[in-house]
Amino acid sequence: MSDFMELMRTIEAGEPQATDKLLPLVYDELRKLAAAHLANEPPGQTLQATALVHEAYLRLVGSDSTALWNSHAHFFTAASIAIRRILVDNARRKKSLKRGGDIVRQDLQEEIQITPPEPVEDLMALDEALEKLTQVHPQAAEIVQLVYFSGFTIVQAAELLGVSTRTADRLWAYARAWLRRELRNDDEKS
């Protein structure tokens, strides 16, 4: 505490190296303060506590800053305000329309697979194989329709079919294996 007040007096006196000595003295407390602020932020926050501490410190003791702190508590109150302002500025920047602020972040689910468009011949072969699967196992063919062609998740498809998610998973696995085998057999015939 006495080191802090002594550094404050040297900073007031205009000693240029005094601010360099201040950071190691207050770093751990600033980091805890930043972590506490970040804990209250919604998920998806891209700022990390270390970057937040450095940005807040630069705002507090940077060349533009003329603020003088009369106590340890006063300094940390100012630091807390600086951290909050940085978080608000960051939120505004993310929210701005030119940076896609109206887009809501969605986590991808494991069962979603992005596949490239297939050539027309492959799609036609898949359609023929799907028609055959409909004759063999209509429910498996229906799950393929819902998941592959309509873009539903396994959970959504299970709800639509009125079966459990586990049953839908088994149907999906069966249909994929059946179609893979059927398509391979068609390739061998060609």
N, C-alpha and C. Protein backbone atom coordinates (compact mmCIF):
# COMPACT_ATOMS: atom_id res chain seq x y z
N MET A 1 0.83 -1.18 0.00
CA MET A 1 0.00 0.00 0.00
C MET A 1 0.87 1.25 0.00
N SER A 2 1.93 1.24 0.80
CA SER A 2 2.82 2.41 0.85
C SER A 2 3.58 2.54 -0.47
N ASP A 3 3.94 1.40 -1.09
CA ASP A 3 4.59 1.43 -2.41
C ASP A 3 3.66 2.06 -3.44
N PHE A 4 2.39 1.73 -3.33
CA PHE A 4 1.40 2.28 -4.26
C PHE A 4 1.33 3.80 -4.13
N MET A 5 1.21 4.28 -2.91
CA MET A 5 1.09 5.73 -2.70
C MET A 5 2.37 6.45 -3.11
N GLU A 6 3.51 5.83 -2.86
CA GLU A 6 4.78 6.43 -3.28
C GLU A 6 4.85 6.53 -4.80
N LEU A 7 4.41 5.47 -5.50
CA LEU A 7 4.38 5.52 -6.96
C LEU A 7 3.40 6.58 -7.46
N MET A 8 2.28 6.73 -6.78
CA MET A 8 1.31 7.74 -7.17
C MET A 8 1.93 9.14 -7.09
N ARG A 9 2.71 9.37 -6.03
CA ARG A 9 3.37 10.68 -5.89
C ARG A 9 4.40 10.91 -6.99
N THR A 10 5.14 9.86 -7.35
CA THR A 10 6.14 10.03 -8.41
C THR A 10 5.47 10.20 -9.77
N ILE A 11 4.32 9.55 -9.98
CA ILE A 11 3.57 9.75 -11.22
C ILE A 11 3.06 11.19 -11.28
N GLU A 12 2.57 11.70 -10.14
CA GLU A 12 2.10 13.10 -10.07
C GLU A 12 3.23 14.06 -10.39
N ALA A 13 4.42 13.72 -9.94
CA ALA A 13 5.58 14.59 -10.15
C ALA A 13 6.05 14.55 -11.61
N GLY A 14 5.52 13.63 -12.39
CA GLY A 14 5.86 13.57 -13.80
C GLY A 14 7.02 12.63 -14.12
N GLU A 15 7.35 11.74 -13.22
CA GLU A 15 8.42 10.77 -13.43
C GLU A 15 7.98 9.77 -14.50
N PRO A 16 8.65 9.71 -15.65
CA PRO A 16 8.19 8.85 -16.74
C PRO A 16 8.26 7.35 -16.45
N GLN A 17 9.23 6.89 -15.69
CA GLN A 17 9.35 5.45 -15.42
C GLN A 17 8.43 4.96 -14.31
N ALA A 18 7.77 5.85 -13.62
CA ALA A 18 6.93 5.45 -12.49
C ALA A 18 5.75 4.61 -12.95
N THR A 19 5.17 4.91 -14.11
CA THR A 19 4.02 4.11 -14.58
C THR A 19 4.45 2.70 -14.95
N ASP A 20 5.71 2.54 -15.39
CA ASP A 20 6.20 1.18 -15.70
C ASP A 20 6.31 0.33 -14.44
N LYS A 21 6.58 0.96 -13.31
CA LYS A 21 6.70 0.23 -12.05
C LYS A 21 5.34 -0.07 -11.44
N LEU A 22 4.32 0.68 -11.88
CA LEU A 22 2.98 0.50 -11.31
C LEU A 22 2.33 -0.81 -11.75
N LEU A 23 2.48 -1.18 -13.03
CA LEU A 23 1.80 -2.38 -13.54
C LEU A 23 2.15 -3.65 -12.76
N PRO A 24 3.43 -3.97 -12.53
CA PRO A 24 3.71 -5.19 -11.76
C PRO A 24 3.10 -5.16 -10.36
N LEU A 25 2.97 -3.96 -9.80
CA LEU A 25 2.45 -3.82 -8.46
C LEU A 25 0.95 -4.11 -8.39
N VAL A 26 0.20 -3.76 -9.43
CA VAL A 26 -1.26 -3.89 -9.39
C VAL A 26 -1.80 -4.95 -10.35
N TYR A 27 -0.93 -5.62 -11.09
CA TYR A 27 -1.35 -6.53 -12.15
C TYR A 27 -2.29 -7.63 -11.66
N ASP A 28 -1.94 -8.33 -10.61
CA ASP A 28 -2.76 -9.46 -10.14
C ASP A 28 -4.15 -9.00 -9.73
N GLU A 29 -4.22 -7.85 -9.04
CA GLU A 29 -5.53 -7.35 -8.63
C GLU A 29 -6.35 -6.90 -9.83
N LEU A 30 -5.70 -6.29 -10.82
CA LEU A 30 -6.40 -5.88 -12.04
C LEU A 30 -6.93 -7.11 -12.79
N ARG A 31 -6.13 -8.15 -12.82
CA ARG A 31 -6.54 -9.38 -13.53
C ARG A 31 -7.77 -10.00 -12.86
N LYS A 32 -7.80 -10.02 -11.53
CA LYS A 32 -8.97 -10.54 -10.81
C LYS A 32 -10.20 -9.68 -11.10
N LEU A 33 -9.99 -8.38 -11.14
CA LEU A 33 -11.08 -7.45 -11.43
C LEU A 33 -11.62 -7.69 -12.84
N ALA A 34 -10.71 -7.86 -13.80
CA ALA A 34 -11.11 -8.12 -15.19
C ALA A 34 -11.85 -9.46 -15.30
N ALA A 35 -11.34 -10.48 -14.62
CA ALA A 35 -11.99 -11.79 -14.65
C ALA A 35 -13.40 -11.72 -14.06
N ALA A 36 -13.57 -10.92 -13.01
CA ALA A 36 -14.90 -10.77 -12.40
C ALA A 36 -15.86 -10.09 -13.37
N HIS A 37 -15.37 -9.08 -14.08
CA HIS A 37 -16.22 -8.41 -15.07
C HIS A 37 -16.58 -9.37 -16.21
N LEU A 38 -15.60 -10.15 -16.68
CA LEU A 38 -15.85 -11.08 -17.79
C LEU A 38 -16.80 -12.20 -17.39
N ALA A 39 -16.81 -12.57 -16.12
CA ALA A 39 -17.71 -13.63 -15.66
C ALA A 39 -19.17 -13.22 -15.80
N ASN A 40 -19.43 -11.92 -15.79
CA ASN A 40 -20.80 -11.43 -15.92
C ASN A 40 -21.22 -11.21 -17.36
N GLU A 41 -20.31 -11.43 -18.29
CA GLU A 41 -20.60 -11.21 -19.71
C GLU A 41 -21.30 -12.44 -20.29
N PRO A 42 -22.10 -12.25 -21.35
CA PRO A 42 -22.76 -13.40 -21.98
C PRO A 42 -21.74 -14.29 -22.69
N PRO A 43 -22.09 -15.55 -22.96
CA PRO A 43 -21.19 -16.45 -23.67
C PRO A 43 -20.82 -15.89 -25.04
N GLY A 44 -19.64 -16.25 -25.50
CA GLY A 44 -19.19 -15.78 -26.81
C GLY A 44 -18.30 -14.55 -26.72
N GLN A 45 -17.97 -14.13 -25.51
CA GLN A 45 -17.10 -12.98 -25.33
C GLN A 45 -15.72 -13.32 -25.85
N THR A 46 -15.17 -12.48 -26.70
CA THR A 46 -13.88 -12.76 -27.31
C THR A 46 -12.72 -12.13 -26.56
N LEU A 47 -13.01 -11.17 -25.70
CA LEU A 47 -11.94 -10.56 -24.91
C LEU A 47 -11.50 -11.52 -23.81
N GLN A 48 -10.21 -11.51 -23.52
CA GLN A 48 -9.70 -12.31 -22.42
C GLN A 48 -9.25 -11.36 -21.32
N ALA A 49 -9.15 -11.89 -20.11
CA ALA A 49 -8.82 -11.06 -18.96
C ALA A 49 -7.49 -10.33 -19.15
N THR A 50 -6.49 -11.00 -19.69
CA THR A 50 -5.18 -10.38 -19.89
C THR A 50 -5.26 -9.18 -20.82
N ALA A 51 -5.95 -9.35 -21.95
CA ALA A 51 -6.09 -8.24 -22.89
C ALA A 51 -6.89 -7.11 -22.27
N LEU A 52 -7.88 -7.45 -21.49
CA LEU A 52 -8.71 -6.45 -20.82
C LEU A 52 -7.87 -5.66 -19.81
N VAL A 53 -7.02 -6.33 -19.06
CA VAL A 53 -6.16 -5.66 -18.09
C VAL A 53 -5.23 -4.68 -18.80
N HIS A 54 -4.63 -5.14 -19.89
CA HIS A 54 -3.67 -4.28 -20.60
C HIS A 54 -4.35 -3.05 -21.18
N GLU A 55 -5.52 -3.25 -21.78
CA GLU A 55 -6.26 -2.13 -22.35
C GLU A 55 -6.69 -1.15 -21.26
N ALA A 56 -7.18 -1.66 -20.15
CA ALA A 56 -7.60 -0.79 -19.04
C ALA A 56 -6.41 -0.04 -18.47
N TYR A 57 -5.30 -0.72 -18.32
CA TYR A 57 -4.10 -0.07 -17.78
C TYR A 57 -3.63 1.05 -18.70
N LEU A 58 -3.65 0.79 -20.00
CA LEU A 58 -3.26 1.84 -20.94
C LEU A 58 -4.19 3.05 -20.85
N ARG A 59 -5.47 2.79 -20.67
CA ARG A 59 -6.42 3.90 -20.52
C ARG A 59 -6.19 4.67 -19.22
N LEU A 60 -5.78 3.95 -18.18
CA LEU A 60 -5.58 4.60 -16.88
C LEU A 60 -4.31 5.43 -16.81
N VAL A 61 -3.23 4.90 -17.36
CA VAL A 61 -1.93 5.59 -17.21
C VAL A 61 -1.33 6.01 -18.54
N GLY A 62 -2.11 5.93 -19.61
CA GLY A 62 -1.60 6.30 -20.92
C GLY A 62 -1.23 7.77 -20.99
N SER A 63 -0.63 8.16 -22.10
CA SER A 63 -0.13 9.53 -22.25
C SER A 63 -1.26 10.56 -22.22
N ASP A 64 -2.47 10.16 -22.61
CA ASP A 64 -3.59 11.10 -22.60
C ASP A 64 -4.17 11.29 -21.20
N SER A 65 -3.87 10.35 -20.33
CA SER A 65 -4.49 10.36 -19.00
C SER A 65 -3.82 11.39 -18.10
N THR A 66 -4.64 12.21 -17.48
CA THR A 66 -4.14 13.19 -16.51
C THR A 66 -4.73 12.90 -15.14
N ALA A 67 -5.36 11.75 -14.99
CA ALA A 67 -6.01 11.40 -13.72
C ALA A 67 -4.98 11.12 -12.64
N LEU A 68 -5.28 11.58 -11.47
CA LEU A 68 -4.44 11.31 -10.31
C LEU A 68 -5.32 10.58 -9.30
N TRP A 69 -4.76 9.55 -8.70
CA TRP A 69 -5.52 8.76 -7.75
C TRP A 69 -5.03 9.09 -6.35
N ASN A 70 -5.96 9.30 -5.47
CA ASN A 70 -5.57 9.66 -4.11
C ASN A 70 -5.51 8.46 -3.17
N SER A 71 -5.86 7.28 -3.69
CA SER A 71 -5.76 6.07 -2.87
C SER A 71 -5.76 4.84 -3.76
N HIS A 72 -5.43 3.76 -3.14
CA HIS A 72 -5.45 2.44 -3.78
C HIS A 72 -6.88 2.14 -4.27
N ALA A 73 -7.87 2.38 -3.43
CA ALA A 73 -9.26 2.13 -3.77
C ALA A 73 -9.72 3.01 -4.93
N HIS A 74 -9.27 4.24 -4.94
CA HIS A 74 -9.63 5.16 -6.02
C HIS A 74 -9.08 4.64 -7.36
N PHE A 75 -7.86 4.15 -7.35
CA PHE A 75 -7.25 3.60 -8.57
C PHE A 75 -8.07 2.41 -9.08
N PHE A 76 -8.44 1.50 -8.18
CA PHE A 76 -9.17 0.31 -8.60
C PHE A 76 -10.62 0.61 -8.99
N THR A 77 -11.18 1.63 -8.42
CA THR A 77 -12.50 2.07 -8.86
C THR A 77 -12.41 2.58 -10.29
N ALA A 78 -11.38 3.39 -10.55
CA ALA A 78 -11.17 3.90 -11.91
C ALA A 78 -10.88 2.74 -12.87
N ALA A 79 -10.13 1.75 -12.41
CA ALA A 79 -9.82 0.58 -13.25
C ALA A 79 -11.10 -0.19 -13.58
N SER A 80 -11.97 -0.35 -12.60
CA SER A 80 -13.24 -1.06 -12.82
C SER A 80 -14.10 -0.33 -13.84
N ILE A 81 -14.13 0.99 -13.75
CA ILE A 81 -14.89 1.79 -14.72
C ILE A 81 -14.28 1.65 -16.11
N ALA A 82 -12.95 1.69 -16.18
CA ALA A 82 -12.27 1.54 -17.48
C ALA A 82 -12.58 0.18 -18.10
N ILE A 83 -12.55 -0.87 -17.30
CA ILE A 83 -12.85 -2.22 -17.79
C ILE A 83 -14.28 -2.29 -18.30
N ARG A 84 -15.21 -1.74 -17.52
CA ARG A 84 -16.61 -1.74 -17.95
C ARG A 84 -16.77 -0.99 -19.27
N ARG A 85 -16.12 0.15 -19.42
CA ARG A 85 -16.21 0.92 -20.66
C ARG A 85 -15.63 0.15 -21.84
N ILE A 86 -14.56 -0.56 -21.62
CA ILE A 86 -13.97 -1.38 -22.69
C ILE A 86 -14.95 -2.46 -23.12
N LEU A 87 -15.58 -3.11 -22.15
CA LEU A 87 -16.55 -4.15 -22.46
C LEU A 87 -17.76 -3.57 -23.21
N VAL A 88 -18.21 -2.40 -22.79
CA VAL A 88 -19.34 -1.76 -23.47
C VAL A 88 -18.94 -1.38 -24.89
N ASP A 89 -17.75 -0.81 -25.06
CA ASP A 89 -17.27 -0.45 -26.40
C ASP A 89 -17.18 -1.69 -27.29
N ASN A 90 -16.69 -2.78 -26.73
CA ASN A 90 -16.56 -4.02 -27.48
C ASN A 90 -17.94 -4.55 -27.88
N ALA A 91 -18.90 -4.47 -26.95
CA ALA A 91 -20.27 -4.93 -27.25
C ALA A 91 -20.89 -4.06 -28.35
N ARG A 92 -20.67 -2.76 -28.29
CA ARG A 92 -21.20 -1.86 -29.33
C ARG A 92 -20.59 -2.19 -30.69
N ARG A 93 -19.29 -2.44 -30.68
CA ARG A 93 -18.59 -2.77 -31.94
C ARG A 93 -19.15 -4.06 -32.53
N LYS A 94 -19.40 -5.05 -31.68
CA LYS A 94 -19.97 -6.31 -32.15
C LYS A 94 -21.39 -6.14 -32.64
N LYS A 95 -22.12 -5.25 -32.01
CA LYS A 95 -23.53 -5.06 -32.34
C LYS A 95 -23.73 -4.25 -33.62
N SER A 96 -22.73 -3.48 -33.99
CA SER A 96 -22.91 -2.61 -35.16
C SER A 96 -23.24 -3.44 -36.40
N LEU A 97 -24.14 -2.94 -37.21
CA LEU A 97 -24.63 -3.68 -38.37
C LEU A 97 -23.52 -3.96 -39.38
N LYS A 98 -22.57 -3.05 -39.50
CA LYS A 98 -21.54 -3.29 -40.50
C LYS A 98 -20.65 -4.47 -40.12
N ARG A 99 -20.69 -4.89 -38.87
CA ARG A 99 -19.93 -6.06 -38.45
C ARG A 99 -20.85 -7.24 -38.18
N GLY A 100 -22.06 -7.20 -38.72
CA GLY A 100 -22.99 -8.32 -38.56
C GLY A 100 -23.60 -8.37 -37.19
N GLY A 101 -23.83 -7.24 -36.56
CA GLY A 101 -24.36 -7.18 -35.20
C GLY A 101 -25.74 -7.77 -35.05
N ASP A 102 -26.51 -7.85 -36.13
CA ASP A 102 -27.85 -8.42 -36.02
C ASP A 102 -27.86 -9.93 -36.21
N ILE A 103 -26.71 -10.51 -36.46
CA ILE A 103 -26.60 -11.96 -36.66
C ILE A 103 -26.42 -12.61 -35.29
N VAL A 104 -27.19 -13.64 -35.02
CA VAL A 104 -27.11 -14.35 -33.76
C VAL A 104 -26.18 -15.54 -33.94
N ARG A 105 -25.23 -15.68 -33.02
CA ARG A 105 -24.28 -16.78 -33.09
C ARG A 105 -24.97 -18.08 -32.74
N GLN A 106 -24.78 -19.11 -33.56
CA GLN A 106 -25.37 -20.42 -33.32
C GLN A 106 -24.25 -21.45 -33.22
N ASP A 107 -24.33 -22.30 -32.22
CA ASP A 107 -23.38 -23.40 -32.11
C ASP A 107 -23.84 -24.53 -33.02
N LEU A 108 -22.90 -25.10 -33.76
CA LEU A 108 -23.23 -26.20 -34.65
C LEU A 108 -23.39 -27.48 -33.84
N GLN A 109 -24.36 -28.26 -34.21
CA GLN A 109 -24.57 -29.54 -33.54
C GLN A 109 -23.77 -30.59 -34.29
N GLU A 110 -23.42 -31.64 -33.57
CA GLU A 110 -22.58 -32.68 -34.16
C GLU A 110 -23.22 -33.35 -35.36
N GLU A 111 -24.56 -33.53 -35.33
CA GLU A 111 -25.16 -34.28 -36.42
C GLU A 111 -25.32 -33.48 -37.70
N ILE A 112 -25.04 -32.18 -37.66
CA ILE A 112 -25.12 -31.38 -38.89
C ILE A 112 -23.83 -31.61 -39.67
N GLN A 113 -23.97 -32.02 -40.91
CA GLN A 113 -22.80 -32.21 -41.76
C GLN A 113 -22.98 -31.38 -43.01
N ILE A 114 -21.95 -30.64 -43.33
CA ILE A 114 -22.00 -29.83 -44.53
C ILE A 114 -21.38 -30.66 -45.64
N THR A 115 -22.16 -30.88 -46.67
CA THR A 115 -21.68 -31.68 -47.79
C THR A 115 -21.71 -30.85 -49.05
N PRO A 116 -20.72 -31.03 -49.90
CA PRO A 116 -20.72 -30.28 -51.15
C PRO A 116 -21.83 -30.79 -52.06
N PRO A 117 -22.30 -29.94 -52.96
CA PRO A 117 -23.32 -30.41 -53.90
C PRO A 117 -22.77 -31.56 -54.75
N GLU A 118 -23.64 -32.52 -55.00
CA GLU A 118 -23.21 -33.68 -55.76
C GLU A 118 -23.52 -33.49 -57.24
N PRO A 119 -22.76 -34.17 -58.07
CA PRO A 119 -23.10 -34.13 -59.49
C PRO A 119 -24.50 -34.71 -59.72
N VAL A 120 -25.12 -34.31 -60.80
CA VAL A 120 -26.49 -34.74 -61.10
C VAL A 120 -26.59 -36.26 -61.16
N GLU A 121 -25.59 -36.93 -61.72
CA GLU A 121 -25.64 -38.40 -61.83
C GLU A 121 -25.71 -39.04 -60.45
N ASP A 122 -24.91 -38.53 -59.51
CA ASP A 122 -24.92 -39.08 -58.16
C ASP A 122 -26.26 -38.85 -57.50
N LEU A 123 -26.84 -37.70 -57.73
CA LEU A 123 -28.13 -37.38 -57.15
C LEU A 123 -29.21 -38.28 -57.73
N MET A 124 -29.13 -38.55 -59.02
CA MET A 124 -30.10 -39.45 -59.64
C MET A 124 -29.94 -40.87 -59.10
N ALA A 125 -28.69 -41.31 -58.93
CA ALA A 125 -28.45 -42.65 -58.37
C ALA A 125 -28.96 -42.72 -56.93
N LEU A 126 -28.75 -41.65 -56.18
CA LEU A 126 -29.24 -41.61 -54.81
C LEU A 126 -30.77 -41.67 -54.78
N ASP A 127 -31.41 -40.97 -55.70
CA ASP A 127 -32.88 -40.98 -55.77
C ASP A 127 -33.39 -42.39 -56.06
N GLU A 128 -32.74 -43.09 -57.01
CA GLU A 128 -33.14 -44.47 -57.32
C GLU A 128 -32.95 -45.38 -56.11
N ALA A 129 -31.81 -45.21 -55.44
CA ALA A 129 -31.53 -46.04 -54.26
C ALA A 129 -32.52 -45.74 -53.15
N LEU A 130 -32.90 -44.47 -53.02
CA LEU A 130 -33.86 -44.08 -52.00
C LEU A 130 -35.24 -44.67 -52.28
N GLU A 131 -35.59 -44.75 -53.56
CA GLU A 131 -36.86 -45.40 -53.93
C GLU A 131 -36.84 -46.87 -53.53
N LYS A 132 -35.71 -47.54 -53.75
CA LYS A 132 -35.59 -48.94 -53.35
C LYS A 132 -35.66 -49.08 -51.83
N LEU A 133 -35.01 -48.15 -51.12
CA LEU A 133 -35.04 -48.20 -49.65
C LEU A 133 -36.46 -48.01 -49.13
N THR A 134 -37.25 -47.19 -49.82
CA THR A 134 -38.64 -46.97 -49.43
C THR A 134 -39.41 -48.28 -49.47
N GLN A 135 -39.09 -49.14 -50.44
CA GLN A 135 -39.75 -50.44 -50.54
C GLN A 135 -39.30 -51.38 -49.41
N VAL A 136 -38.00 -51.29 -49.04
CA VAL A 136 -37.45 -52.18 -48.03
C VAL A 136 -37.77 -51.70 -46.61
N HIS A 137 -37.56 -50.40 -46.37
CA HIS A 137 -37.74 -49.86 -45.01
C HIS A 137 -38.21 -48.41 -45.13
N PRO A 138 -39.54 -48.21 -45.19
CA PRO A 138 -40.07 -46.86 -45.41
C PRO A 138 -39.65 -45.83 -44.36
N GLN A 139 -39.56 -46.26 -43.11
CA GLN A 139 -39.21 -45.30 -42.06
C GLN A 139 -37.75 -44.84 -42.20
N ALA A 140 -36.86 -45.72 -42.60
CA ALA A 140 -35.47 -45.34 -42.82
C ALA A 140 -35.37 -44.37 -43.99
N ALA A 141 -36.16 -44.61 -45.03
CA ALA A 141 -36.17 -43.70 -46.18
C ALA A 141 -36.69 -42.33 -45.77
N GLU A 142 -37.67 -42.33 -44.89
CA GLU A 142 -38.25 -41.08 -44.44
C GLU A 142 -37.25 -40.26 -43.62
N ILE A 143 -36.44 -40.94 -42.81
CA ILE A 143 -35.43 -40.22 -42.02
C ILE A 143 -34.39 -39.60 -42.94
N VAL A 144 -34.06 -40.29 -44.04
CA VAL A 144 -33.13 -39.72 -45.02
C VAL A 144 -33.73 -38.47 -45.64
N GLN A 145 -35.00 -38.54 -45.97
CA GLN A 145 -35.69 -37.37 -46.55
C GLN A 145 -35.60 -36.18 -45.61
N LEU A 146 -35.88 -36.44 -44.33
CA LEU A 146 -35.92 -35.35 -43.36
C LEU A 146 -34.53 -34.79 -43.05
N VAL A 147 -33.57 -35.67 -42.85
CA VAL A 147 -32.24 -35.21 -42.44
C VAL A 147 -31.42 -34.72 -43.63
N TYR A 148 -31.33 -35.52 -44.65
CA TYR A 148 -30.44 -35.18 -45.77
C TYR A 148 -31.03 -34.13 -46.69
N PHE A 149 -32.27 -34.30 -47.06
CA PHE A 149 -32.86 -33.39 -48.04
C PHE A 149 -33.53 -32.16 -47.42
N SER A 150 -34.13 -32.33 -46.24
CA SER A 150 -34.83 -31.20 -45.63
C SER A 150 -33.98 -30.43 -44.63
N GLY A 151 -32.86 -31.01 -44.21
CA GLY A 151 -31.96 -30.30 -43.31
C GLY A 151 -32.33 -30.34 -41.84
N PHE A 152 -33.24 -31.24 -41.46
CA PHE A 152 -33.58 -31.37 -40.05
C PHE A 152 -32.47 -32.08 -39.30
N THR A 153 -32.40 -31.85 -38.00
CA THR A 153 -31.47 -32.61 -37.17
C THR A 153 -32.11 -33.96 -36.87
N ILE A 154 -31.32 -34.87 -36.34
CA ILE A 154 -31.84 -36.19 -35.96
C ILE A 154 -32.95 -36.02 -34.91
N VAL A 155 -32.73 -35.11 -33.95
CA VAL A 155 -33.71 -34.89 -32.89
C VAL A 155 -35.03 -34.38 -33.49
N GLN A 156 -34.93 -33.42 -34.40
CA GLN A 156 -36.14 -32.89 -35.03
C GLN A 156 -36.84 -33.96 -35.87
N ALA A 157 -36.06 -34.73 -36.60
CA ALA A 157 -36.64 -35.80 -37.42
C ALA A 157 -37.34 -36.83 -36.54
N ALA A 158 -36.73 -37.16 -35.40
CA ALA A 158 -37.33 -38.12 -34.47
C ALA A 158 -38.69 -37.60 -33.99
N GLU A 159 -38.74 -36.32 -33.66
CA GLU A 159 -40.01 -35.74 -33.22
C GLU A 159 -41.05 -35.81 -34.32
N LEU A 160 -40.67 -35.49 -35.56
CA LEU A 160 -41.60 -35.52 -36.68
C LEU A 160 -42.12 -36.92 -36.96
N LEU A 161 -41.24 -37.92 -36.78
CA LEU A 161 -41.64 -39.31 -37.04
C LEU A 161 -42.33 -39.95 -35.84
N GLY A 162 -42.23 -39.29 -34.69
CA GLY A 162 -42.86 -39.85 -33.50
C GLY A 162 -42.10 -41.02 -32.91
N VAL A 163 -40.77 -40.99 -33.05
CA VAL A 163 -39.93 -42.05 -32.49
C VAL A 163 -38.90 -41.41 -31.56
N SER A 164 -38.23 -42.25 -30.78
CA SER A 164 -37.20 -41.72 -29.89
C SER A 164 -35.97 -41.30 -30.69
N THR A 165 -35.16 -40.45 -30.10
CA THR A 165 -33.92 -40.01 -30.75
C THR A 165 -33.01 -41.20 -31.01
N ARG A 166 -32.99 -42.11 -30.10
CA ARG A 166 -32.14 -43.30 -30.25
C ARG A 166 -32.59 -44.15 -31.45
N THR A 167 -33.91 -44.29 -31.60
CA THR A 167 -34.44 -45.03 -32.76
C THR A 167 -34.11 -44.29 -34.03
N ALA A 168 -34.24 -42.97 -34.02
CA ALA A 168 -33.91 -42.17 -35.20
C ALA A 168 -32.43 -42.31 -35.55
N ASP A 169 -31.56 -42.34 -34.54
CA ASP A 169 -30.13 -42.54 -34.79
C ASP A 169 -29.88 -43.89 -35.47
N ARG A 170 -30.56 -44.93 -34.98
CA ARG A 170 -30.39 -46.27 -35.57
C ARG A 170 -30.92 -46.29 -37.00
N LEU A 171 -32.08 -45.66 -37.23
CA LEU A 171 -32.64 -45.60 -38.59
C LEU A 171 -31.69 -44.87 -39.53
N TRP A 172 -31.13 -43.76 -39.06
CA TRP A 172 -30.20 -42.96 -39.87
C TRP A 172 -28.95 -43.77 -40.21
N ALA A 173 -28.40 -44.47 -39.22
CA ALA A 173 -27.21 -45.30 -39.46
C ALA A 173 -27.53 -46.43 -40.43
N TYR A 174 -28.68 -47.06 -40.24
CA TYR A 174 -29.09 -48.15 -41.15
C TYR A 174 -29.26 -47.62 -42.57
N ALA A 175 -29.96 -46.49 -42.71
CA ALA A 175 -30.22 -45.93 -44.04
C ALA A 175 -28.94 -45.55 -44.74
N ARG A 176 -28.02 -44.92 -44.02
CA ARG A 176 -26.75 -44.53 -44.64
C ARG A 176 -25.97 -45.76 -45.11
N ALA A 177 -25.92 -46.81 -44.27
CA ALA A 177 -25.20 -48.03 -44.65
C ALA A 177 -25.88 -48.70 -45.83
N TRP A 178 -27.19 -48.78 -45.80
CA TRP A 178 -27.94 -49.42 -46.89
C TRP A 178 -27.73 -48.66 -48.20
N LEU A 179 -27.84 -47.33 -48.14
CA LEU A 179 -27.66 -46.52 -49.35
C LEU A 179 -26.23 -46.59 -49.87
N ARG A 180 -25.26 -46.58 -48.97
CA ARG A 180 -23.86 -46.68 -49.37
C ARG A 180 -23.61 -48.00 -50.12
N ARG A 181 -24.15 -49.10 -49.56
CA ARG A 181 -23.99 -50.40 -50.19
C ARG A 181 -24.70 -50.43 -51.54
N GLU A 182 -25.89 -49.90 -51.60
CA GLU A 182 -26.67 -49.89 -52.84
C GLU A 182 -25.97 -49.06 -53.93
N LEU A 183 -25.46 -47.91 -53.53
CA LEU A 183 -24.76 -47.05 -54.49
C LEU A 183 -23.45 -47.68 -54.97
N ARG A 184 -22.77 -48.38 -54.07
CA ARG A 184 -21.54 -49.07 -54.44
C ARG A 184 -21.85 -50.20 -55.43
N ASN A 185 -22.95 -50.93 -55.17
CA ASN A 185 -23.36 -52.01 -56.08
C ASN A 185 -23.71 -51.45 -57.46
N ASP A 186 -24.38 -50.29 -57.50
CA ASP A 186 -24.71 -49.67 -58.78
C ASP A 186 -23.44 -49.25 -59.53
N ASP A 187 -22.44 -48.75 -58.79
CA ASP A 187 -21.18 -48.36 -59.43
C ASP A 187 -20.46 -49.57 -60.03
N GLU A 188 -20.52 -50.70 -59.32
CA GLU A 188 -19.86 -51.90 -59.81
C GLU A 188 -20.56 -52.45 -61.05
N LYS A 189 -21.87 -52.26 -61.15
CA LYS A 189 -22.63 -52.71 -62.32
C LYS A 189 -22.33 -51.87 -63.54
N SER A 190 -22.00 -50.59 -63.31
CA SER A 190 -21.75 -49.67 -64.44
C SER A 190 -20.47 -49.89 -65.13
